[in-house]
């Protein structure tokens, strides 16, 4: 057949090893080592009580104000967390304040139902 592609020869072990070595080098170049770990404030933690007959021998732990602040920030609405929308779908409704103050007595913008001699 004239339109068929020529078949590639199968890769031998040397080529497969070179491909694997290059892949590992690329992964190690982008790898970042994390040494500080903390609890994810966006995930709810299960609250488990102690057993009823155990004594509380644990020392009193002081509150970490930065952690509490991050938990409170995680539970805020996106408009209070960020200055501008983070995704395309957040752009719809991001600015929810009305452009003008609603005045019910202004007849130019308020078209409420009225009755007249014709409609009666």
PDB file of N, CA and C in Angstrom:
ATOM      1  N   UNK A   1       0.832  -1.185   0.000  1.00  0.00           N
ATOM      2  CA  UNK A   1       0.000   0.000   0.000  1.00  0.00           C
ATOM      3  C   UNK A   1       0.876   1.247   0.000  1.00  0.00           C
ATOM      4  N   UNK A   2       0.464   2.238  -0.738  1.00  0.00           N
ATOM      5  CA  UNK A   2       1.271   3.445  -0.879  1.00  0.00           C
ATOM      6  C   UNK A   2       1.111   4.367   0.320  1.00  0.00           C
ATOM      7  N   UNK A   3      -0.067   4.384   0.984  1.00  0.00           N
ATOM      8  CA  UNK A   3      -0.325   5.324   2.075  1.00  0.00           C
ATOM      9  C   UNK A   3       0.033   4.787   3.452  1.00  0.00           C
ATOM     10  N   UNK A   4       0.498   3.568   3.554  1.00  0.00           N
ATOM     11  CA  UNK A   4       0.794   2.977   4.861  1.00  0.00           C
ATOM     12  C   UNK A   4       2.124   3.502   5.386  1.00  0.00           C
ATOM     13  N   UNK A   5       2.181   3.716   6.684  1.00  0.00           N
ATOM     14  CA  UNK A   5       3.412   4.193   7.318  1.00  0.00           C
ATOM     15  C   UNK A   5       4.366   3.020   7.514  1.00  0.00           C
ATOM     16  N   UNK A   6       5.641   3.295   7.383  1.00  0.00           N
ATOM     17  CA  UNK A   6       6.591   2.205   7.640  1.00  0.00           C
ATOM     18  C   UNK A   6       6.621   1.899   9.142  1.00  0.00           C
ATOM     19  N   UNK A   7       6.730   0.646   9.472  1.00  0.00           N
ATOM     20  CA  UNK A   7       6.738   0.248  10.875  1.00  0.00           C
ATOM     21  C   UNK A   7       8.063   0.619  11.513  1.00  0.00           C
ATOM     22  N   UNK A   8       7.989   1.099  12.766  1.00  0.00           N
ATOM     23  CA  UNK A   8       9.204   1.432  13.496  1.00  0.00           C
ATOM     24  C   UNK A   8       9.811   0.157  14.053  1.00  0.00           C
ATOM     25  N   UNK A   9      11.106   0.082  14.042  1.00  0.00           N
ATOM     26  CA  UNK A   9      11.724  -1.106  14.646  1.00  0.00           C
ATOM     27  C   UNK A   9      11.521  -1.066  16.161  1.00  0.00           C
ATOM     28  N   UNK A  10      11.349  -2.197  16.800  1.00  0.00           N
ATOM     29  CA  UNK A  10      11.145  -2.204  18.247  1.00  0.00           C
ATOM     30  C   UNK A  10      12.382  -1.684  18.971  1.00  0.00           C
ATOM     31  N   UNK A  11      12.142  -0.973  20.085  1.00  0.00           N
ATOM     32  CA  UNK A  11      13.251  -0.415  20.849  1.00  0.00           C
ATOM     33  C   UNK A  11      14.003  -1.528  21.567  1.00  0.00           C
ATOM     34  N   UNK A  12      15.300  -1.428  21.519  1.00  0.00           N
ATOM     35  CA  UNK A  12      16.082  -2.421  22.247  1.00  0.00           C
ATOM     36  C   UNK A  12      16.302  -1.944  23.675  1.00  0.00           C
ATOM     37  N   UNK A  13      16.961  -2.737  24.469  1.00  0.00           N
ATOM     38  CA  UNK A  13      17.134  -2.459  25.910  1.00  0.00           C
ATOM     39  C   UNK A  13      17.929  -1.181  26.134  1.00  0.00           C
ATOM     40  N   UNK A  14      18.895  -0.895  25.292  1.00  0.00           N
ATOM     41  CA  UNK A  14      19.732   0.306  25.454  1.00  0.00           C
ATOM     42  C   UNK A  14      18.879   1.561  25.267  1.00  0.00           C
ATOM     43  N   UNK A  15      18.017   1.571  24.257  1.00  0.00           N
ATOM     44  CA  UNK A  15      17.159   2.736  24.030  1.00  0.00           C
ATOM     45  C   UNK A  15      16.128   2.896  25.145  1.00  0.00           C
ATOM     46  N   UNK A  16      15.564   1.791  25.598  1.00  0.00           N
ATOM     47  CA  UNK A  16      14.599   1.855  26.699  1.00  0.00           C
ATOM     48  C   UNK A  16      15.253   2.393  27.965  1.00  0.00           C
ATOM     49  N   UNK A  17      16.504   1.975  28.211  1.00  0.00           N
ATOM     50  CA  UNK A  17      17.222   2.459  29.394  1.00  0.00           C
ATOM     51  C   UNK A  17      17.524   3.958  29.269  1.00  0.00           C
ATOM     52  N   UNK A  18      17.856   4.424  28.071  1.00  0.00           N
ATOM     53  CA  UNK A  18      18.122   5.852  27.858  1.00  0.00           C
ATOM     54  C   UNK A  18      16.854   6.679  28.062  1.00  0.00           C
ATOM     55  N   UNK A  19      15.728   6.169  27.589  1.00  0.00           N
ATOM     56  CA  UNK A  19      14.451   6.874  27.777  1.00  0.00           C
ATOM     57  C   UNK A  19      14.097   6.949  29.263  1.00  0.00           C
ATOM     58  N   UNK A  20      14.283   5.851  29.990  1.00  0.00           N
ATOM     59  CA  UNK A  20      13.998   5.826  31.423  1.00  0.00           C
ATOM     60  C   UNK A  20      14.908   6.787  32.184  1.00  0.00           C
ATOM     61  N   UNK A  21      16.207   6.815  31.832  1.00  0.00           N
ATOM     62  CA  UNK A  21      17.150   7.715  32.505  1.00  0.00           C
ATOM     63  C   UNK A  21      16.779   9.170  32.260  1.00  0.00           C
ATOM     64  N   UNK A  22      16.363   9.498  31.037  1.00  0.00           N
ATOM     65  CA  UNK A  22      15.963  10.877  30.729  1.00  0.00           C
ATOM     66  C   UNK A  22      14.693  11.259  31.482  1.00  0.00           C
ATOM     67  N   UNK A  23      13.743  10.341  31.589  1.00  0.00           N
ATOM     68  CA  UNK A  23      12.505  10.597  32.332  1.00  0.00           C
ATOM     69  C   UNK A  23      12.799  10.851  33.800  1.00  0.00           C
ATOM     70  N   UNK A  24      13.670  10.061  34.381  1.00  0.00           N
ATOM     71  CA  UNK A  24      14.030  10.237  35.800  1.00  0.00           C
ATOM     72  C   UNK A  24      14.738  11.566  36.013  1.00  0.00           C
ATOM     73  N   UNK A  25      15.631  11.939  35.092  1.00  0.00           N
ATOM     74  CA  UNK A  25      16.324  13.231  35.213  1.00  0.00           C
ATOM     75  C   UNK A  25      15.334  14.395  35.171  1.00  0.00           C
ATOM     76  N   UNK A  26      14.356  14.326  34.276  1.00  0.00           N
ATOM     77  CA  UNK A  26      13.348  15.387  34.184  1.00  0.00           C
ATOM     78  C   UNK A  26      12.504  15.460  35.450  1.00  0.00           C
ATOM     79  N   UNK A  27      12.132  14.311  36.003  1.00  0.00           N
ATOM     80  CA  UNK A  27      11.336  14.297  37.234  1.00  0.00           C
ATOM     81  C   UNK A  27      12.122  14.861  38.406  1.00  0.00           C
ATOM     82  N   UNK A  28      13.403  14.522  38.509  1.00  0.00           N
ATOM     83  CA  UNK A  28      14.216  15.021  39.621  1.00  0.00           C
ATOM     84  C   UNK A  28      14.480  16.514  39.498  1.00  0.00           C
ATOM     85  N   UNK A  29      14.526  17.010  38.275  1.00  0.00           N
ATOM     86  CA  UNK A  29      14.735  18.448  38.078  1.00  0.00           C
ATOM     87  C   UNK A  29      13.552  19.254  38.612  1.00  0.00           C
ATOM     88  N   UNK A  30      12.345  18.740  38.460  1.00  0.00           N
ATOM     89  CA  UNK A  30      11.127  19.432  38.889  1.00  0.00           C
ATOM     90  C   UNK A  30      10.696  19.072  40.306  1.00  0.00           C
ATOM     91  N   UNK A  31      11.382  18.123  40.921  1.00  0.00           N
ATOM     92  CA  UNK A  31      10.972  17.660  42.243  1.00  0.00           C
ATOM     93  C   UNK A  31      11.325  18.693  43.306  1.00  0.00           C
ATOM     94  N   UNK A  32      10.426  18.868  44.273  1.00  0.00           N
ATOM     95  CA  UNK A  32      10.648  19.818  45.352  1.00  0.00           C
ATOM     96  C   UNK A  32      10.462  19.081  46.673  1.00  0.00           C
ATOM     97  N   UNK A  33      11.411  19.245  47.583  1.00  0.00           N
ATOM     98  CA  UNK A  33      11.366  18.547  48.856  1.00  0.00           C
ATOM     99  C   UNK A  33      10.643  19.413  49.877  1.00  0.00           C
ATOM    100  N   UNK A  34       9.573  18.877  50.453  1.00  0.00           N
ATOM    101  CA  UNK A  34       8.817  19.585  51.476  1.00  0.00           C
ATOM    102  C   UNK A  34       9.251  19.089  52.845  1.00  0.00           C
ATOM    103  N   UNK A  35       9.610  20.022  53.720  1.00  0.00           N
ATOM    104  CA  UNK A  35      10.054  19.637  55.061  1.00  0.00           C
ATOM    105  C   UNK A  35       9.097  20.127  56.140  1.00  0.00           C
ATOM    106  N   UNK A  36       8.224  21.078  55.833  1.00  0.00           N
ATOM    107  CA  UNK A  36       7.266  21.578  56.810  1.00  0.00           C
ATOM    108  C   UNK A  36       5.881  21.072  56.447  1.00  0.00           C
ATOM    109  N   UNK A  37       5.225  20.437  57.415  1.00  0.00           N
ATOM    110  CA  UNK A  37       3.892  19.900  57.192  1.00  0.00           C
ATOM    111  C   UNK A  37       2.944  20.506  58.203  1.00  0.00           C
ATOM    112  N   UNK A  38       1.709  20.697  57.795  1.00  0.00           N
ATOM    113  CA  UNK A  38       0.688  21.217  58.699  1.00  0.00           C
ATOM    114  C   UNK A  38      -0.647  20.605  58.308  1.00  0.00           C
ATOM    115  N   UNK A  39      -1.631  20.815  59.138  1.00  0.00           N
ATOM    116  CA  UNK A  39      -2.958  20.290  58.877  1.00  0.00           C
ATOM    117  C   UNK A  39      -3.619  21.154  57.817  1.00  0.00           C
ATOM    118  N   UNK A  40      -4.319  20.519  56.900  1.00  0.00           N
ATOM    119  CA  UNK A  40      -5.021  21.234  55.844  1.00  0.00           C
ATOM    120  C   UNK A  40      -6.231  21.952  56.446  1.00  0.00           C
ATOM    121  N   UNK A  41      -6.277  23.293  56.426  1.00  0.00           N
ATOM    122  CA  UNK A  41      -7.407  24.003  57.033  1.00  0.00           C
ATOM    123  C   UNK A  41      -8.692  23.883  56.217  1.00  0.00           C
ATOM    124  N   UNK A  42      -8.606  23.425  54.965  1.00  0.00           N
ATOM    125  CA  UNK A  42      -9.788  23.324  54.120  1.00  0.00           C
ATOM    126  C   UNK A  42     -10.531  22.001  54.314  1.00  0.00           C
ATOM    127  N   UNK A  43      -9.961  21.077  55.076  1.00  0.00           N
ATOM    128  CA  UNK A  43     -10.585  19.779  55.294  1.00  0.00           C
ATOM    129  C   UNK A  43     -11.077  19.707  56.731  1.00  0.00           C
ATOM    130  N   UNK A  44     -12.303  19.245  56.913  1.00  0.00           N
ATOM    131  CA  UNK A  44     -12.854  19.140  58.257  1.00  0.00           C
ATOM    132  C   UNK A  44     -12.216  17.958  58.973  1.00  0.00           C
ATOM    133  N   UNK A  45     -11.830  18.186  60.210  1.00  0.00           N
ATOM    134  CA  UNK A  45     -11.189  17.138  60.990  1.00  0.00           C
ATOM    135  C   UNK A  45     -12.223  16.372  61.799  1.00  0.00           C
ATOM    136  N   UNK A  46     -12.049  15.058  61.911  1.00  0.00           N
ATOM    137  CA  UNK A  46     -12.977  14.309  62.765  1.00  0.00           C
ATOM    138  C   UNK A  46     -12.662  14.569  64.238  1.00  0.00           C
ATOM    139  N   UNK A  47     -13.690  14.814  65.005  1.00  0.00           N
ATOM    140  CA  UNK A  47     -13.500  15.058  66.438  1.00  0.00           C
ATOM    141  C   UNK A  47     -13.774  13.747  67.153  1.00  0.00           C
ATOM    142  N   UNK A  48     -12.750  13.213  67.810  1.00  0.00           N
ATOM    143  CA  UNK A  48     -12.871  11.941  68.512  1.00  0.00           C
ATOM    144  C   UNK A  48     -12.626  12.209  69.996  1.00  0.00           C
ATOM    145  N   UNK A  49     -13.579  11.829  70.806  1.00  0.00           N
ATOM    146  CA  UNK A  49     -13.452  12.032  72.243  1.00  0.00           C
ATOM    147  C   UNK A  49     -12.596  10.925  72.850  1.00  0.00           C
ATOM    148  N   UNK A  50     -12.027  11.214  74.034  1.00  0.00           N
ATOM    149  CA  UNK A  50     -11.259  10.204  74.751  1.00  0.00           C
ATOM    150  C   UNK A  50     -12.190   9.136  75.303  1.00  0.00           C
ATOM    151  N   UNK A  51     -11.592   8.043  75.711  1.00  0.00           N
ATOM    152  CA  UNK A  51     -12.376   6.984  76.342  1.00  0.00           C
ATOM    153  C   UNK A  51     -12.863   7.487  77.693  1.00  0.00           C
ATOM    154  N   UNK A  52     -14.024   7.053  78.143  1.00  0.00           N
ATOM    155  CA  UNK A  52     -14.623   7.621  79.357  1.00  0.00           C
ATOM    156  C   UNK A  52     -13.810   7.408  80.637  1.00  0.00           C
ATOM    157  N   UNK A  53     -13.103   6.307  80.757  1.00  0.00           N
ATOM    158  CA  UNK A  53     -12.418   6.007  82.015  1.00  0.00           C
ATOM    159  C   UNK A  53     -10.942   6.389  82.013  1.00  0.00           C
ATOM    160  N   UNK A  54     -10.481   7.097  81.009  1.00  0.00           N
ATOM    161  CA  UNK A  54      -9.071   7.486  80.977  1.00  0.00           C
ATOM    162  C   UNK A  54      -8.896   8.841  81.626  1.00  0.00           C
ATOM    163  N   UNK A  55      -7.733   9.010  82.207  1.00  0.00           N
ATOM    164  CA  UNK A  55      -7.399  10.309  82.787  1.00  0.00           C
ATOM    165  C   UNK A  55      -6.739  11.162  81.719  1.00  0.00           C
ATOM    166  N   UNK A  56      -6.953  12.440  81.841  1.00  0.00           N
ATOM    167  CA  UNK A  56      -6.362  13.359  80.889  1.00  0.00           C
ATOM    168  C   UNK A  56      -4.938  13.667  81.343  1.00  0.00           C
ATOM    169  N   UNK A  57      -3.969  12.941  80.806  1.00  0.00           N
ATOM    170  CA  UNK A  57      -2.570  13.127  81.194  1.00  0.00           C
ATOM    171  C   UNK A  57      -1.823  13.998  80.200  1.00  0.00           C
ATOM    172  N   UNK A  58      -2.517  14.451  79.165  1.00  0.00           N
ATOM    173  CA  UNK A  58      -1.855  15.275  78.167  1.00  0.00           C
ATOM    174  C   UNK A  58      -1.674  16.689  78.711  1.00  0.00           C
ATOM    175  N   UNK A  59      -0.601  17.299  78.287  1.00  0.00           N
ATOM    176  CA  UNK A  59      -0.361  18.673  78.706  1.00  0.00           C
ATOM    177  C   UNK A  59      -1.270  19.611  77.924  1.00  0.00           C
ATOM    178  N   UNK A  60      -1.533  20.750  78.507  1.00  0.00           N
ATOM    179  CA  UNK A  60      -2.402  21.731  77.859  1.00  0.00           C
ATOM    180  C   UNK A  60      -1.617  22.398  76.729  1.00  0.00           C
ATOM    181  N   UNK A  61      -2.201  22.376  75.553  1.00  0.00           N
ATOM    182  CA  UNK A  61      -1.552  22.936  74.376  1.00  0.00           C
ATOM    183  C   UNK A  61      -2.118  24.330  74.139  1.00  0.00           C
ATOM    184  N   UNK A  62      -1.225  25.294  73.929  1.00  0.00           N
ATOM    185  CA  UNK A  62      -1.660  26.662  73.663  1.00  0.00           C
ATOM    186  C   UNK A  62      -2.169  26.759  72.229  1.00  0.00           C
ATOM    187  N   UNK A  63      -3.091  27.688  72.007  1.00  0.00           N
ATOM    188  CA  UNK A  63      -3.661  27.880  70.687  1.00  0.00           C
ATOM    189  C   UNK A  63      -2.638  28.498  69.745  1.00  0.00           C
ATOM    190  N   UNK A  64      -2.654  28.042  68.528  1.00  0.00           N
ATOM    191  CA  UNK A  64      -1.814  28.612  67.490  1.00  0.00           C
ATOM    192  C   UNK A  64      -2.670  29.608  66.715  1.00  0.00           C
ATOM    193  N   UNK A  65      -2.420  30.878  66.920  1.00  0.00           N
ATOM    194  CA  UNK A  65      -3.285  31.906  66.326  1.00  0.00           C
ATOM    195  C   UNK A  65      -3.210  31.916  64.801  1.00  0.00           C
ATOM    196  N   UNK A  66      -2.052  31.597  64.230  1.00  0.00           N
ATOM    197  CA  UNK A  66      -1.933  31.582  62.773  1.00  0.00           C
ATOM    198  C   UNK A  66      -2.771  30.450  62.176  1.00  0.00           C
ATOM    199  N   UNK A  67      -2.798  29.298  62.842  1.00  0.00           N
ATOM    200  CA  UNK A  67      -3.587  28.170  62.352  1.00  0.00           C
ATOM    201  C   UNK A  67      -5.078  28.475  62.455  1.00  0.00           C
ATOM    202  N   UNK A  68      -5.497  29.075  63.564  1.00  0.00           N
ATOM    203  CA  UNK A  68      -6.915  29.421  63.738  1.00  0.00           C
ATOM    204  C   UNK A  68      -7.331  30.460  62.698  1.00  0.00           C
ATOM    205  N   UNK A  69      -6.448  31.412  62.421  1.00  0.00           N
ATOM    206  CA  UNK A  69      -6.748  32.426  61.411  1.00  0.00           C
ATOM    207  C   UNK A  69      -6.883  31.786  60.029  1.00  0.00           C
ATOM    208  N   UNK A  70      -6.027  30.803  59.716  1.00  0.00           N
ATOM    209  CA  UNK A  70      -6.115  30.152  58.408  1.00  0.00           C
ATOM    210  C   UNK A  70      -7.391  29.320  58.283  1.00  0.00           C
ATOM    211  N   UNK A  71      -7.858  28.735  59.381  1.00  0.00           N
ATOM    212  CA  UNK A  71      -9.117  27.986  59.345  1.00  0.00           C
ATOM    213  C   UNK A  71     -10.287  28.939  59.110  1.00  0.00           C
ATOM    214  N   UNK A  72     -10.269  30.081  59.787  1.00  0.00           N
ATOM    215  CA  UNK A  72     -11.347  31.055  59.586  1.00  0.00           C
ATOM    216  C   UNK A  72     -11.322  31.614  58.154  1.00  0.00           C
ATOM    217  N   UNK A  73     -10.129  31.826  57.614  1.00  0.00           N
ATOM    218  CA  UNK A  73     -10.026  32.321  56.237  1.00  0.00           C
ATOM    219  C   UNK A  73     -10.539  31.284  55.242  1.00  0.00           C
ATOM    220  N   UNK A  74     -10.353  30.004  55.546  1.00  0.00           N
ATOM    221  CA  UNK A  74     -10.789  28.946  54.634  1.00  0.00           C
ATOM    222  C   UNK A  74     -12.311  28.878  54.549  1.00  0.00           C
ATOM    223  N   UNK A  75     -13.004  29.306  55.589  1.00  0.00           N
ATOM    224  CA  UNK A  75     -14.460  29.214  55.609  1.00  0.00           C
ATOM    225  C   UNK A  75     -15.150  30.493  55.118  1.00  0.00           C
ATOM    226  N   UNK A  76     -14.377  31.491  54.687  1.00  0.00           N
ATOM    227  CA  UNK A  76     -14.977  32.720  54.165  1.00  0.00           C
ATOM    228  C   UNK A  76     -15.439  32.529  52.720  1.00  0.00           C
ATOM    229  N   UNK A  77     -16.292  33.443  52.268  1.00  0.00           N
ATOM    230  CA  UNK A  77     -16.714  33.430  50.877  1.00  0.00           C
ATOM    231  C   UNK A  77     -15.531  33.858  50.008  1.00  0.00           C
ATOM    232  N   UNK A  78     -15.522  33.446  48.730  1.00  0.00           N
ATOM    233  CA  UNK A  78     -14.406  33.810  47.858  1.00  0.00           C
ATOM    234  C   UNK A  78     -14.224  35.320  47.703  1.00  0.00           C
ATOM    235  N   UNK A  79     -15.301  36.102  47.743  1.00  0.00           N
ATOM    236  CA  UNK A  79     -15.154  37.552  47.571  1.00  0.00           C
ATOM    237  C   UNK A  79     -14.442  38.185  48.754  1.00  0.00           C
ATOM    238  N   UNK A  80     -14.503  37.553  49.924  1.00  0.00           N
ATOM    239  CA  UNK A  80     -13.802  38.084  51.093  1.00  0.00           C
ATOM    240  C   UNK A  80     -12.383  37.543  51.188  1.00  0.00           C
ATOM    241  N   UNK A  81     -12.113  36.408  50.546  1.00  0.00           N
ATOM    242  CA  UNK A  81     -10.768  35.821  50.581  1.00  0.00           C
ATOM    243  C   UNK A  81      -9.832  36.464  49.569  1.00  0.00           C
ATOM    244  N   UNK A  82     -10.347  36.742  48.368  1.00  0.00           N
ATOM    245  CA  UNK A  82      -9.500  37.198  47.267  1.00  0.00           C
ATOM    246  C   UNK A  82      -9.951  38.566  46.774  1.00  0.00           C
ATOM    247  N   UNK A  83      -9.025  39.307  46.163  1.00  0.00           N
ATOM    248  CA  UNK A  83      -9.346  40.618  45.614  1.00  0.00           C
ATOM    249  C   UNK A  83     -10.046  40.516  44.267  1.00  0.00           C
ATOM    250  N   UNK A  84      -9.703  39.494  43.486  1.00  0.00           N
ATOM    251  CA  UNK A  84     -10.294  39.316  42.170  1.00  0.00           C
ATOM    252  C   UNK A  84     -10.629  37.840  41.981  1.00  0.00           C
ATOM    253  N   UNK A  85     -11.518  37.507  41.019  1.00  0.00           N
ATOM    254  CA  UNK A  85     -11.916  36.109  40.826  1.00  0.00           C
ATOM    255  C   UNK A  85     -10.732  35.235  40.442  1.00  0.00           C
ATOM    256  N   UNK A  86     -10.691  34.008  40.970  1.00  0.00           N
ATOM    257  CA  UNK A  86      -9.601  33.084  40.708  1.00  0.00           C
ATOM    258  C   UNK A  86      -9.869  32.194  39.493  1.00  0.00           C
ATOM    259  N   UNK A  87     -11.139  31.995  39.144  1.00  0.00           N
ATOM    260  CA  UNK A  87     -11.487  31.165  37.993  1.00  0.00           C
ATOM    261  C   UNK A  87     -12.457  31.925  37.094  1.00  0.00           C
ATOM    262  N   UNK A  88     -12.672  31.391  35.912  1.00  0.00           N
ATOM    263  CA  UNK A  88     -13.608  32.019  34.975  1.00  0.00           C
ATOM    264  C   UNK A  88     -15.034  31.977  35.505  1.00  0.00           C
ATOM    265  N   UNK A  89     -15.403  30.881  36.174  1.00  0.00           N
ATOM    266  CA  UNK A  89     -16.780  30.771  36.659  1.00  0.00           C
ATOM    267  C   UNK A  89     -17.040  31.701  37.840  1.00  0.00           C
ATOM    268  N   UNK A  90     -15.994  32.133  38.552  1.00  0.00           N
ATOM    269  CA  UNK A  90     -16.200  33.073  39.652  1.00  0.00           C
ATOM    270  C   UNK A  90     -16.462  34.484  39.153  1.00  0.00           C
ATOM    271  N   UNK A  91     -16.133  34.773  37.895  1.00  0.00           N
ATOM    272  CA  UNK A  91     -16.343  36.122  37.378  1.00  0.00           C
ATOM    273  C   UNK A  91     -17.827  36.469  37.319  1.00  0.00           C
ATOM    274  N   UNK A  92     -18.671  35.456  37.103  1.00  0.00           N
ATOM    275  CA  UNK A  92     -20.109  35.702  37.057  1.00  0.00           C
ATOM    276  C   UNK A  92     -20.594  35.905  38.480  1.00  0.00           C
ATOM    277  N   UNK A  93     -21.113  37.073  38.778  1.00  0.00           N
ATOM    278  CA  UNK A  93     -21.629  37.371  40.101  1.00  0.00           C
ATOM    279  C   UNK A  93     -20.581  37.806  41.099  1.00  0.00           C
ATOM    280  N   UNK A  94     -19.340  38.073  40.668  1.00  0.00           N
ATOM    281  CA  UNK A  94     -18.297  38.479  41.612  1.00  0.00           C
ATOM    282  C   UNK A  94     -18.631  39.823  42.238  1.00  0.00           C
ATOM    283  N   UNK A  95     -19.064  40.781  41.409  1.00  0.00           N
ATOM    284  CA  UNK A  95     -19.463  42.089  41.919  1.00  0.00           C
ATOM    285  C   UNK A  95     -20.975  42.040  42.086  1.00  0.00           C
ATOM    286  N   UNK A  96     -21.423  41.863  43.310  1.00  0.00           N
ATOM    287  CA  UNK A  96     -22.853  41.685  43.546  1.00  0.00           C
ATOM    288  C   UNK A  96     -23.524  42.945  44.081  1.00  0.00           C
ATOM    289  N   UNK A  97     -22.785  44.036  44.229  1.00  0.00           N
ATOM    290  CA  UNK A  97     -23.406  45.277  44.694  1.00  0.00           C
ATOM    291  C   UNK A  97     -24.148  45.926  43.527  1.00  0.00           C
ATOM    292  N   UNK A  98     -25.328  46.489  43.773  1.00  0.00           N
ATOM    293  CA  UNK A  98     -26.075  47.121  42.672  1.00  0.00           C
ATOM    294  C   UNK A  98     -25.351  48.371  42.172  1.00  0.00           C
ATOM    295  N   UNK A  99     -25.504  48.641  40.879  1.00  0.00           N
ATOM    296  CA  UNK A  99     -24.830  49.789  40.290  1.00  0.00           C
ATOM    297  C   UNK A  99     -25.454  51.107  40.743  1.00  0.00           C
ATOM    298  N   UNK A 100     -26.767  51.111  40.930  1.00  0.00           N
ATOM    299  CA  UNK A 100     -27.429  52.306  41.429  1.00  0.00           C
ATOM    300  C   UNK A 100     -28.299  51.920  42.614  1.00  0.00           C
ATOM    301  N   UNK A 101     -28.585  52.871  43.459  1.00  0.00           N
ATOM    302  CA  UNK A 101     -29.423  52.617  44.630  1.00  0.00           C
ATOM    303  C   UNK A 101     -30.871  52.504  44.173  1.00  0.00           C
ATOM    304  N   UNK A 102     -31.527  51.460  44.624  1.00  0.00           N
ATOM    305  CA  UNK A 102     -32.906  51.213  44.218  1.00  0.00           C
ATOM    306  C   UNK A 102     -33.841  52.177  44.950  1.00  0.00           C
ATOM    307  N   UNK A 103     -34.570  52.946  44.170  1.00  0.00           N
ATOM    308  CA  UNK A 103     -35.536  53.886  44.728  1.00  0.00           C
ATOM    309  C   UNK A 103     -36.907  53.489  44.204  1.00  0.00           C
ATOM    310  N   UNK A 104     -37.769  53.002  45.071  1.00  0.00           N
ATOM    311  CA  UNK A 104     -39.078  52.494  44.647  1.00  0.00           C
ATOM    312  C   UNK A 104     -40.008  53.616  44.185  1.00  0.00           C
ATOM    313  N   UNK A 105     -39.743  54.838  44.582  1.00  0.00           N
ATOM    314  CA  UNK A 105     -40.623  55.929  44.175  1.00  0.00           C
ATOM    315  C   UNK A 105     -40.246  56.498  42.798  1.00  0.00           C
ATOM    316  N   UNK A 106     -39.082  56.126  42.269  1.00  0.00           N
ATOM    317  CA  UNK A 106     -38.661  56.615  40.953  1.00  0.00           C
ATOM    318  C   UNK A 106     -39.408  55.835  39.875  1.00  0.00           C
ATOM    319  N   UNK A 107     -40.255  56.510  39.106  1.00  0.00           N
ATOM    320  CA  UNK A 107     -41.104  55.844  38.118  1.00  0.00           C
ATOM    321  C   UNK A 107     -40.332  55.471  36.856  1.00  0.00           C
ATOM    322  N   UNK A 108     -39.111  55.985  36.694  1.00  0.00           N
ATOM    323  CA  UNK A 108     -38.338  55.657  35.501  1.00  0.00           C
ATOM    324  C   UNK A 108     -37.832  54.218  35.542  1.00  0.00           C
ATOM    325  N   UNK A 109     -37.519  53.695  36.740  1.00  0.00           N
ATOM    326  CA  UNK A 109     -36.963  52.351  36.855  1.00  0.00           C
ATOM    327  C   UNK A 109     -37.895  51.368  37.538  1.00  0.00           C
ATOM    328  N   UNK A 110     -38.970  51.823  38.120  1.00  0.00           N
ATOM    329  CA  UNK A 110     -39.879  50.952  38.851  1.00  0.00           C
ATOM    330  C   UNK A 110     -41.189  50.846  38.080  1.00  0.00           C
ATOM    331  N   UNK A 111     -41.429  49.692  37.490  1.00  0.00           N
ATOM    332  CA  UNK A 111     -42.632  49.482  36.695  1.00  0.00           C
ATOM    333  C   UNK A 111     -43.572  48.544  37.447  1.00  0.00           C
ATOM    334  N   UNK A 112     -44.088  49.009  38.553  1.00  0.00           N
ATOM    335  CA  UNK A 112     -44.999  48.167  39.321  1.00  0.00           C
ATOM    336  C   UNK A 112     -46.381  48.191  38.670  1.00  0.00           C
ATOM    337  N   UNK A 113     -47.227  47.265  39.067  1.00  0.00           N
ATOM    338  CA  UNK A 113     -48.571  47.172  38.497  1.00  0.00           C
ATOM    339  C   UNK A 113     -49.427  48.327  38.984  1.00  0.00           C
ATOM    340  N   UNK A 114     -50.044  48.964  38.070  1.00  0.00           N
ATOM    341  CA  UNK A 114     -50.935  50.054  38.415  1.00  0.00           C
ATOM    342  C   UNK A 114     -52.285  49.788  37.749  1.00  0.00           C
ATOM    343  N   UNK A 115     -53.287  50.253  38.390  1.00  0.00           N
ATOM    344  CA  UNK A 115     -54.604  50.106  37.773  1.00  0.00           C
ATOM    345  C   UNK A 115     -55.067  51.489  37.308  1.00  0.00           C
ATOM    346  N   UNK A 116     -55.727  51.499  36.181  1.00  0.00           N
ATOM    347  CA  UNK A 116     -56.252  52.748  35.634  1.00  0.00           C
ATOM    348  C   UNK A 116     -57.676  52.494  35.150  1.00  0.00           C
ATOM    349  N   UNK A 117     -58.294  53.514  34.619  1.00  0.00           N
ATOM    350  CA  UNK A 117     -59.680  53.372  34.137  1.00  0.00           C
ATOM    351  C   UNK A 117     -59.733  52.366  32.983  1.00  0.00           C
ATOM    352  N   UNK A 118     -58.696  52.327  32.170  1.00  0.00           N
ATOM    353  CA  UNK A 118     -58.707  51.418  31.020  1.00  0.00           C
ATOM    354  C   UNK A 118     -58.572  49.969  31.469  1.00  0.00           C
ATOM    355  N   UNK A 119     -57.713  49.694  32.454  1.00  0.00           N
ATOM    356  CA  UNK A 119     -57.481  48.306  32.884  1.00  0.00           C
ATOM    357  C   UNK A 119     -58.620  47.788  33.772  1.00  0.00           C
ATOM    358  N   UNK A 120     -59.395  48.701  34.387  1.00  0.00           N
ATOM    359  CA  UNK A 120     -60.529  48.252  35.219  1.00  0.00           C
ATOM    360  C   UNK A 120     -61.630  47.783  34.338  1.00  0.00           C
TER     361      UNK A 120
END
